[in-house]
Amino acid sequence: ILRGRGGRYFGAGAACTVFVSTAGTHHEKGWTDLVEAVAQLPAHLRCRVRVILAGEAPMACMTRKVESLGLSHQVVFAGLLDDVRSTLAAGHAAFVLSRRETLSFACREAMAMGLPVLVSDAGGLPENVTDGLDGWVVPCANIAALRARLEQILSQPEQLAEMGEAARSKSRARFSLDTFVAGTLAVYKAALDAEASEPPQAVLTESPSQ
């Protein structure tokens, strides 16, 4: 069992696996799906999970749901953050379980911090991770599938560090600023080259009147 990384939020030395999200606390971000799935885990696994959520204070109905599931002591709301790095550093894995999404900077930030990311298959999220290598992909809003994947993750905690390094490596290779700039310039260059290679258009003029 992994130890210590959640000490800032849950007490030093606590034996647990910490899942962290900086994607926000709105309903469409799907974090309540994770909480529901955790609540359905077998007791010996459920007690080992901790969850950290960064973002605006969630709606009261959401916090009541956490309470009703008996997980209040296992879920921490970190609030709005100017810098997400220290909060991400407290986790063993990240999650972005959105119901709709484009790309998710939160996912890529977590990968850059060396965390494997659990994502839903909504929108562009699956494009960030390779399932089983640097993260996991689950069907959107499918609590049963999410619970099964959590059981798998928690049964092999020793794999998290290795998967986190794979996530960091992918982040450097594919999502870095240098890679983004180089890719953008390549698109512009290809467009300019294509325009330069086109034959000049013939200019038609009318004959002068006889």
C-alpha atoms as a PDB file:
ATOM      1  CA  ILE A   1       0.000   0.000   0.000  1.00  0.00           C
ATOM      2  CA  LEU A   2       1.342   3.422  -0.921  1.00  0.00           C
ATOM      3  CA  ARG A   3       2.012   5.737   1.972  1.00  0.00           C
ATOM      4  CA  GLY A   4       2.595   9.349   2.764  1.00  0.00           C
ATOM      5  CA  ARG A   5       1.702  11.315  -0.356  1.00  0.00           C
ATOM      6  CA  GLY A   6      -1.650  12.421   1.045  1.00  0.00           C
ATOM      7  CA  GLY A   7      -0.150  13.470   4.373  1.00  0.00           C
ATOM      8  CA  ARG A   8      -0.839  17.161   3.833  1.00  0.00           C
ATOM      9  CA  TYR A   9      -4.587  16.482   3.709  1.00  0.00           C
ATOM     10  CA  PHE A  10      -5.147  13.250   5.614  1.00  0.00           C
ATOM     11  CA  GLY A  11      -2.352  13.048   8.189  1.00  0.00           C
ATOM     12  CA  ALA A  12       1.237  11.946   7.806  1.00  0.00           C
ATOM     13  CA  GLY A  13       1.808   8.235   7.471  1.00  0.00           C
ATOM     14  CA  ALA A  14      -1.749   7.360   6.493  1.00  0.00           C
ATOM     15  CA  ALA A  15      -1.815   4.134   4.460  1.00  0.00           C
ATOM     16  CA  CYS A  16      -3.979   4.985   1.473  1.00  0.00           C
ATOM     17  CA  THR A  17      -4.186   5.557  -2.266  1.00  0.00           C
ATOM     18  CA  VAL A  18      -4.984   9.178  -3.051  1.00  0.00           C
ATOM     19  CA  PHE A  19      -6.946  10.152  -6.163  1.00  0.00           C
ATOM     20  CA  VAL A  20      -6.783  13.865  -6.977  1.00  0.00           C
ATOM     21  CA  SER A  21      -8.612  16.098  -9.442  1.00  0.00           C
ATOM     22  CA  THR A  22      -8.077  19.739 -10.338  1.00  0.00           C
ATOM     23  CA  ALA A  23     -10.714  19.658 -13.083  1.00  0.00           C
ATOM     24  CA  GLY A  24     -13.352  21.405 -10.967  1.00  0.00           C
ATOM     25  CA  THR A  25     -16.336  20.450  -8.866  1.00  0.00           C
ATOM     26  CA  HIS A  26     -19.256  21.025 -11.233  1.00  0.00           C
ATOM     27  CA  HIS A  27     -21.600  18.106 -11.807  1.00  0.00           C
ATOM     28  CA  GLU A  28     -20.507  17.572 -15.418  1.00  0.00           C
ATOM     29  CA  LYS A  29     -16.945  16.901 -14.249  1.00  0.00           C
ATOM     30  CA  GLY A  30     -18.151  13.523 -13.009  1.00  0.00           C
ATOM     31  CA  TRP A  31     -16.399  13.507  -9.641  1.00  0.00           C
ATOM     32  CA  THR A  32     -19.536  12.269  -7.909  1.00  0.00           C
ATOM     33  CA  ASP A  33     -19.304   9.157 -10.098  1.00  0.00           C
ATOM     34  CA  LEU A  34     -15.947   8.404  -8.488  1.00  0.00           C
ATOM     35  CA  VAL A  35     -17.380   8.915  -5.014  1.00  0.00           C
ATOM     36  CA  GLU A  36     -20.278   6.562  -5.775  1.00  0.00           C
ATOM     37  CA  ALA A  37     -17.924   3.935  -7.152  1.00  0.00           C
ATOM     38  CA  VAL A  38     -15.690   4.189  -4.065  1.00  0.00           C
ATOM     39  CA  ALA A  39     -18.733   3.721  -1.826  1.00  0.00           C
ATOM     40  CA  GLN A  40     -19.528   0.453  -3.636  1.00  0.00           C
ATOM     41  CA  LEU A  41     -16.068  -1.024  -3.156  1.00  0.00           C
ATOM     42  CA  PRO A  42     -15.533  -3.916  -0.736  1.00  0.00           C
ATOM     43  CA  ALA A  43     -14.828  -2.580   2.749  1.00  0.00           C
ATOM     44  CA  HIS A  44     -11.153  -3.568   2.745  1.00  0.00           C
ATOM     45  CA  LEU A  45     -10.597  -1.502  -0.412  1.00  0.00           C
ATOM     46  CA  ARG A  46     -12.992   1.349   0.332  1.00  0.00           C
ATOM     47  CA  CYS A  47     -11.166   2.251   3.536  1.00  0.00           C
ATOM     48  CA  ARG A  48      -7.892   2.700   1.616  1.00  0.00           C
ATOM     49  CA  VAL A  49      -9.154   5.361  -0.790  1.00  0.00           C
ATOM     50  CA  ARG A  50      -8.773   9.095  -0.329  1.00  0.00           C
ATOM     51  CA  VAL A  51     -10.007  11.788  -2.733  1.00  0.00           C
ATOM     52  CA  ILE A  52      -8.816  15.386  -3.143  1.00  0.00           C
ATOM     53  CA  LEU A  53     -10.874  17.819  -5.243  1.00  0.00           C
ATOM     54  CA  ALA A  54      -9.760  21.322  -6.199  1.00  0.00           C
ATOM     55  CA  GLY A  55     -12.135  23.983  -7.464  1.00  0.00           C
ATOM     56  CA  GLU A  56     -15.077  26.063  -6.349  1.00  0.00           C
ATOM     57  CA  ALA A  57     -17.015  24.900  -3.326  1.00  0.00           C
ATOM     58  CA  PRO A  58     -19.439  22.231  -4.572  1.00  0.00           C
ATOM     59  CA  MET A  59     -23.185  22.546  -4.294  1.00  0.00           C
ATOM     60  CA  ALA A  60     -24.673  21.599  -0.940  1.00  0.00           C
ATOM     61  CA  CYS A  61     -26.524  18.649  -2.476  1.00  0.00           C
ATOM     62  CA  MET A  62     -23.167  17.230  -3.588  1.00  0.00           C
ATOM     63  CA  THR A  63     -21.543  17.477  -0.180  1.00  0.00           C
ATOM     64  CA  ARG A  64     -24.658  15.913   1.358  1.00  0.00           C
ATOM     65  CA  LYS A  65     -24.266  13.043  -1.073  1.00  0.00           C
ATOM     66  CA  VAL A  66     -20.684  12.491   0.093  1.00  0.00           C
ATOM     67  CA  GLU A  67     -21.937  12.494   3.687  1.00  0.00           C
ATOM     68  CA  SER A  68     -24.762  10.066   2.926  1.00  0.00           C
ATOM     69  CA  LEU A  69     -22.250   7.636   1.415  1.00  0.00           C
ATOM     70  CA  GLY A  70     -20.196   7.748   4.604  1.00  0.00           C
ATOM     71  CA  LEU A  71     -17.117   9.179   2.887  1.00  0.00           C
ATOM     72  CA  SER A  72     -16.823  12.644   4.424  1.00  0.00           C
ATOM     73  CA  HIS A  73     -13.566  11.758   6.191  1.00  0.00           C
ATOM     74  CA  GLN A  74     -12.100  10.391   2.957  1.00  0.00           C
ATOM     75  CA  VAL A  75     -12.922  13.308   0.621  1.00  0.00           C
ATOM     76  CA  VAL A  76     -11.250  16.714   0.912  1.00  0.00           C
ATOM     77  CA  PHE A  77     -12.253  19.858  -0.985  1.00  0.00           C
ATOM     78  CA  ALA A  78      -9.089  21.885  -1.465  1.00  0.00           C
ATOM     79  CA  GLY A  79     -10.805  25.012  -2.820  1.00  0.00           C
ATOM     80  CA  LEU A  80      -9.627  27.263  -5.617  1.00  0.00           C
ATOM     81  CA  LEU A  81      -5.888  27.139  -6.253  1.00  0.00           C
ATOM     82  CA  ASP A  82      -3.436  29.572  -7.800  1.00  0.00           C
ATOM     83  CA  ASP A  83      -0.947  26.734  -8.293  1.00  0.00           C
ATOM     84  CA  VAL A  84      -2.110  23.114  -8.589  1.00  0.00           C
ATOM     85  CA  ARG A  85       1.326  21.506  -8.294  1.00  0.00           C
ATOM     86  CA  SER A  86       1.410  20.957  -4.541  1.00  0.00           C
ATOM     87  CA  THR A  87      -2.069  19.428  -4.578  1.00  0.00           C
ATOM     88  CA  LEU A  88      -1.260  17.129  -7.489  1.00  0.00           C
ATOM     89  CA  ALA A  89       1.931  16.126  -5.689  1.00  0.00           C
ATOM     90  CA  ALA A  90      -0.222  14.814  -2.826  1.00  0.00           C
ATOM     91  CA  GLY A  91      -1.863  12.217  -5.075  1.00  0.00           C
ATOM     92  CA  HIS A  92      -0.920   8.797  -6.406  1.00  0.00           C
ATOM     93  CA  ALA A  93      -3.280   9.076  -9.382  1.00  0.00           C
ATOM     94  CA  ALA A  94      -5.462  11.782 -10.920  1.00  0.00           C
ATOM     95  CA  PHE A  95      -8.936  11.591 -12.430  1.00  0.00           C
ATOM     96  CA  VAL A  96     -11.022  13.532 -14.944  1.00  0.00           C
ATOM     97  CA  LEU A  97     -14.370  11.798 -15.378  1.00  0.00           C
ATOM     98  CA  SER A  98     -16.200  14.485 -17.339  1.00  0.00           C
ATOM     99  CA  ARG A  99     -19.498  13.854 -19.059  1.00  0.00           C
ATOM    100  CA  ARG A 100     -18.382  16.137 -21.889  1.00  0.00           C
ATOM    101  CA  GLU A 101     -14.894  17.446 -22.527  1.00  0.00           C
ATOM    102  CA  THR A 102     -12.643  18.792 -25.268  1.00  0.00           C
ATOM    103  CA  LEU A 103      -9.020  18.260 -24.271  1.00  0.00           C
ATOM    104  CA  SER A 104      -8.633  18.815 -20.495  1.00  0.00           C
ATOM    105  CA  PHE A 105      -5.677  20.837 -19.348  1.00  0.00           C
ATOM    106  CA  ALA A 106      -6.234  19.305 -15.903  1.00  0.00           C
ATOM    107  CA  CYS A 107      -5.467  15.863 -17.312  1.00  0.00           C
ATOM    108  CA  ARG A 108      -2.291  17.017 -19.010  1.00  0.00           C
ATOM    109  CA  GLU A 109      -1.131  18.954 -15.948  1.00  0.00           C
ATOM    110  CA  ALA A 110      -1.504  15.817 -13.846  1.00  0.00           C
ATOM    111  CA  MET A 111       0.476  13.792 -16.374  1.00  0.00           C
ATOM    112  CA  ALA A 112       3.213  16.427 -16.348  1.00  0.00           C
ATOM    113  CA  MET A 113       3.382  15.960 -12.574  1.00  0.00           C
ATOM    114  CA  GLY A 114       3.941  12.233 -13.016  1.00  0.00           C
ATOM    115  CA  LEU A 115       0.447  10.961 -12.205  1.00  0.00           C
ATOM    116  CA  PRO A 116      -1.434   8.323 -14.196  1.00  0.00           C
ATOM    117  CA  VAL A 117      -4.917   9.647 -14.968  1.00  0.00           C
ATOM    118  CA  LEU A 118      -8.277   7.892 -14.804  1.00  0.00           C
ATOM    119  CA  VAL A 119     -10.470   9.422 -17.513  1.00  0.00           C
ATOM    120  CA  SER A 120     -13.919   8.909 -18.998  1.00  0.00           C
ATOM    121  CA  ASP A 121     -14.311   8.276 -22.715  1.00  0.00           C
ATOM    122  CA  ALA A 122     -15.975  11.664 -23.235  1.00  0.00           C
ATOM    123  CA  GLY A 123     -14.770  13.926 -26.033  1.00  0.00           C
ATOM    124  CA  GLY A 124     -11.007  14.217 -26.415  1.00  0.00           C
ATOM    125  CA  LEU A 125     -10.107  12.796 -22.991  1.00  0.00           C
ATOM    126  CA  PRO A 126      -9.063   9.326 -24.272  1.00  0.00           C
ATOM    127  CA  GLU A 127      -6.573  10.986 -26.629  1.00  0.00           C
ATOM    128  CA  ASN A 128      -4.448  11.941 -23.621  1.00  0.00           C
ATOM    129  CA  VAL A 129      -3.811   8.512 -22.131  1.00  0.00           C
ATOM    130  CA  THR A 130      -2.999   5.001 -23.254  1.00  0.00           C
ATOM    131  CA  ASP A 131      -5.205   2.662 -21.243  1.00  0.00           C
ATOM    132  CA  GLY A 132      -3.155   0.543 -18.865  1.00  0.00           C
ATOM    133  CA  LEU A 133       0.122   2.326 -19.665  1.00  0.00           C
ATOM    134  CA  ASP A 134      -0.116   5.895 -18.361  1.00  0.00           C
ATOM    135  CA  GLY A 135      -3.743   5.958 -17.261  1.00  0.00           C
ATOM    136  CA  TRP A 136      -7.113   4.271 -17.615  1.00  0.00           C
ATOM    137  CA  VAL A 137     -10.214   4.894 -19.742  1.00  0.00           C
ATOM    138  CA  VAL A 138     -13.702   4.046 -18.480  1.00  0.00           C
ATOM    139  CA  PRO A 139     -17.147   4.492 -20.054  1.00  0.00           C
ATOM    140  CA  CYS A 140     -18.654   7.855 -19.195  1.00  0.00           C
ATOM    141  CA  ALA A 141     -21.001   7.853 -16.161  1.00  0.00           C
ATOM    142  CA  ASN A 142     -20.800   4.062 -15.807  1.00  0.00           C
ATOM    143  CA  ILE A 143     -20.487   3.454 -12.071  1.00  0.00           C
ATOM    144  CA  ALA A 144     -20.162  -0.322 -12.360  1.00  0.00           C
ATOM    145  CA  ALA A 145     -17.278  -0.063 -14.831  1.00  0.00           C
ATOM    146  CA  LEU A 146     -15.627   2.605 -12.700  1.00  0.00           C
ATOM    147  CA  ARG A 147     -15.909   0.463  -9.573  1.00  0.00           C
ATOM    148  CA  ALA A 148     -14.361  -2.501 -11.381  1.00  0.00           C
ATOM    149  CA  ARG A 149     -11.474  -0.363 -12.618  1.00  0.00           C
ATOM    150  CA  LEU A 150     -10.890   0.999  -9.104  1.00  0.00           C
ATOM    151  CA  GLU A 151     -10.696  -2.552  -7.781  1.00  0.00           C
ATOM    152  CA  GLN A 152      -8.059  -3.293 -10.399  1.00  0.00           C
ATOM    153  CA  ILE A 153      -6.037  -0.184  -9.548  1.00  0.00           C
ATOM    154  CA  LEU A 154      -6.190  -0.763  -5.808  1.00  0.00           C
ATOM    155  CA  SER A 155      -5.176  -4.402  -6.162  1.00  0.00           C
ATOM    156  CA  GLN A 156      -1.932  -3.361  -7.908  1.00  0.00           C
ATOM    157  CA  PRO A 157      -0.764  -0.155  -6.173  1.00  0.00           C
ATOM    158  CA  GLU A 158       2.861  -0.935  -6.966  1.00  0.00           C
ATOM    159  CA  GLN A 159       2.145  -0.129 -10.635  1.00  0.00           C
ATOM    160  CA  LEU A 160       1.153   3.476  -9.979  1.00  0.00           C
ATOM    161  CA  ALA A 161       4.674   4.867  -9.765  1.00  0.00           C
ATOM    162  CA  GLU A 162       5.706   3.200 -13.028  1.00  0.00           C
ATOM    163  CA  MET A 163       2.558   4.379 -14.790  1.00  0.00           C
ATOM    164  CA  GLY A 164       3.168   7.872 -13.439  1.00  0.00           C
ATOM    165  CA  GLU A 165       6.618   7.941 -14.995  1.00  0.00           C
ATOM    166  CA  ALA A 166       5.091   6.838 -18.307  1.00  0.00           C
ATOM    167  CA  ALA A 167       2.612   9.708 -18.019  1.00  0.00           C
ATOM    168  CA  ARG A 168       5.407  12.185 -17.343  1.00  0.00           C
ATOM    169  CA  SER A 169       7.410  10.874 -20.314  1.00  0.00           C
ATOM    170  CA  LYS A 170       4.418  11.217 -22.636  1.00  0.00           C
ATOM    171  CA  SER A 171       3.800  14.728 -21.346  1.00  0.00           C
ATOM    172  CA  ARG A 172       7.350  15.776 -22.165  1.00  0.00           C
ATOM    173  CA  ALA A 173       7.327  14.116 -25.585  1.00  0.00           C
ATOM    174  CA  ARG A 174       3.872  15.124 -26.817  1.00  0.00           C
ATOM    175  CA  PHE A 175       2.377  17.892 -24.681  1.00  0.00           C
ATOM    176  CA  SER A 176       5.309  20.208 -23.907  1.00  0.00           C
ATOM    177  CA  LEU A 177       5.401  23.864 -24.997  1.00  0.00           C
ATOM    178  CA  ASP A 178       8.306  23.157 -27.360  1.00  0.00           C
ATOM    179  CA  THR A 179       6.337  20.375 -29.043  1.00  0.00           C
ATOM    180  CA  PHE A 180       3.249  22.595 -29.300  1.00  0.00           C
ATOM    181  CA  VAL A 181       5.221  25.470 -30.862  1.00  0.00           C
ATOM    182  CA  ALA A 182       7.031  23.173 -33.296  1.00  0.00           C
ATOM    183  CA  GLY A 183       3.747  21.563 -34.383  1.00  0.00           C
ATOM    184  CA  THR A 184       2.072  24.941 -34.869  1.00  0.00           C
ATOM    185  CA  LEU A 185       4.955  26.271 -36.960  1.00  0.00           C
ATOM    186  CA  ALA A 186       4.928  23.085 -39.055  1.00  0.00           C
ATOM    187  CA  VAL A 187       1.262  23.656 -39.922  1.00  0.00           C
ATOM    188  CA  TYR A 188       1.939  27.244 -40.975  1.00  0.00           C
ATOM    189  CA  LYS A 189       4.969  26.205 -43.034  1.00  0.00           C
ATOM    190  CA  ALA A 190       3.002  23.457 -44.786  1.00  0.00           C
ATOM    191  CA  ALA A 191       0.271  25.963 -45.658  1.00  0.00           C
ATOM    192  CA  LEU A 192       2.799  28.475 -47.020  1.00  0.00           C
ATOM    193  CA  ASP A 193       4.644  25.797 -49.006  1.00  0.00           C
ATOM    194  CA  ALA A 194       1.383  24.582 -50.531  1.00  0.00           C
ATOM    195  CA  GLU A 195       0.462  28.112 -51.563  1.00  0.00           C
ATOM    196  CA  ALA A 196       3.906  28.735 -53.064  1.00  0.00           C
ATOM    197  CA  SER A 197       3.748  25.551 -55.123  1.00  0.00           C
ATOM    198  CA  GLU A 198       0.436  26.392 -56.773  1.00  0.00           C
ATOM    199  CA  PRO A 199       0.744  27.555 -60.423  1.00  0.00           C
ATOM    200  CA  PRO A 200      -0.054  31.217 -60.992  1.00  0.00           C
ATOM    201  CA  GLN A 201      -3.593  31.907 -62.032  1.00  0.00           C
ATOM    202  CA  ALA A 202      -4.075  33.162 -65.581  1.00  0.00           C
ATOM    203  CA  VAL A 203      -5.352  36.708 -65.758  1.00  0.00           C
ATOM    204  CA  LEU A 204      -8.033  37.159 -68.403  1.00  0.00           C
ATOM    205  CA  THR A 205      -8.428  40.556 -70.023  1.00  0.00           C
ATOM    206  CA  GLU A 206     -11.002  41.783 -72.514  1.00  0.00           C
ATOM    207  CA  SER A 207      -9.851  42.567 -76.051  1.00  0.00           C
ATOM    208  CA  PRO A 208     -10.036  46.236 -76.948  1.00  0.00           C
ATOM    209  CA  SER A 209     -13.079  47.208 -78.971  1.00  0.00           C
ATOM    210  CA  GLN A 210     -12.616  47.188 -82.780  1.00  0.00           C
END
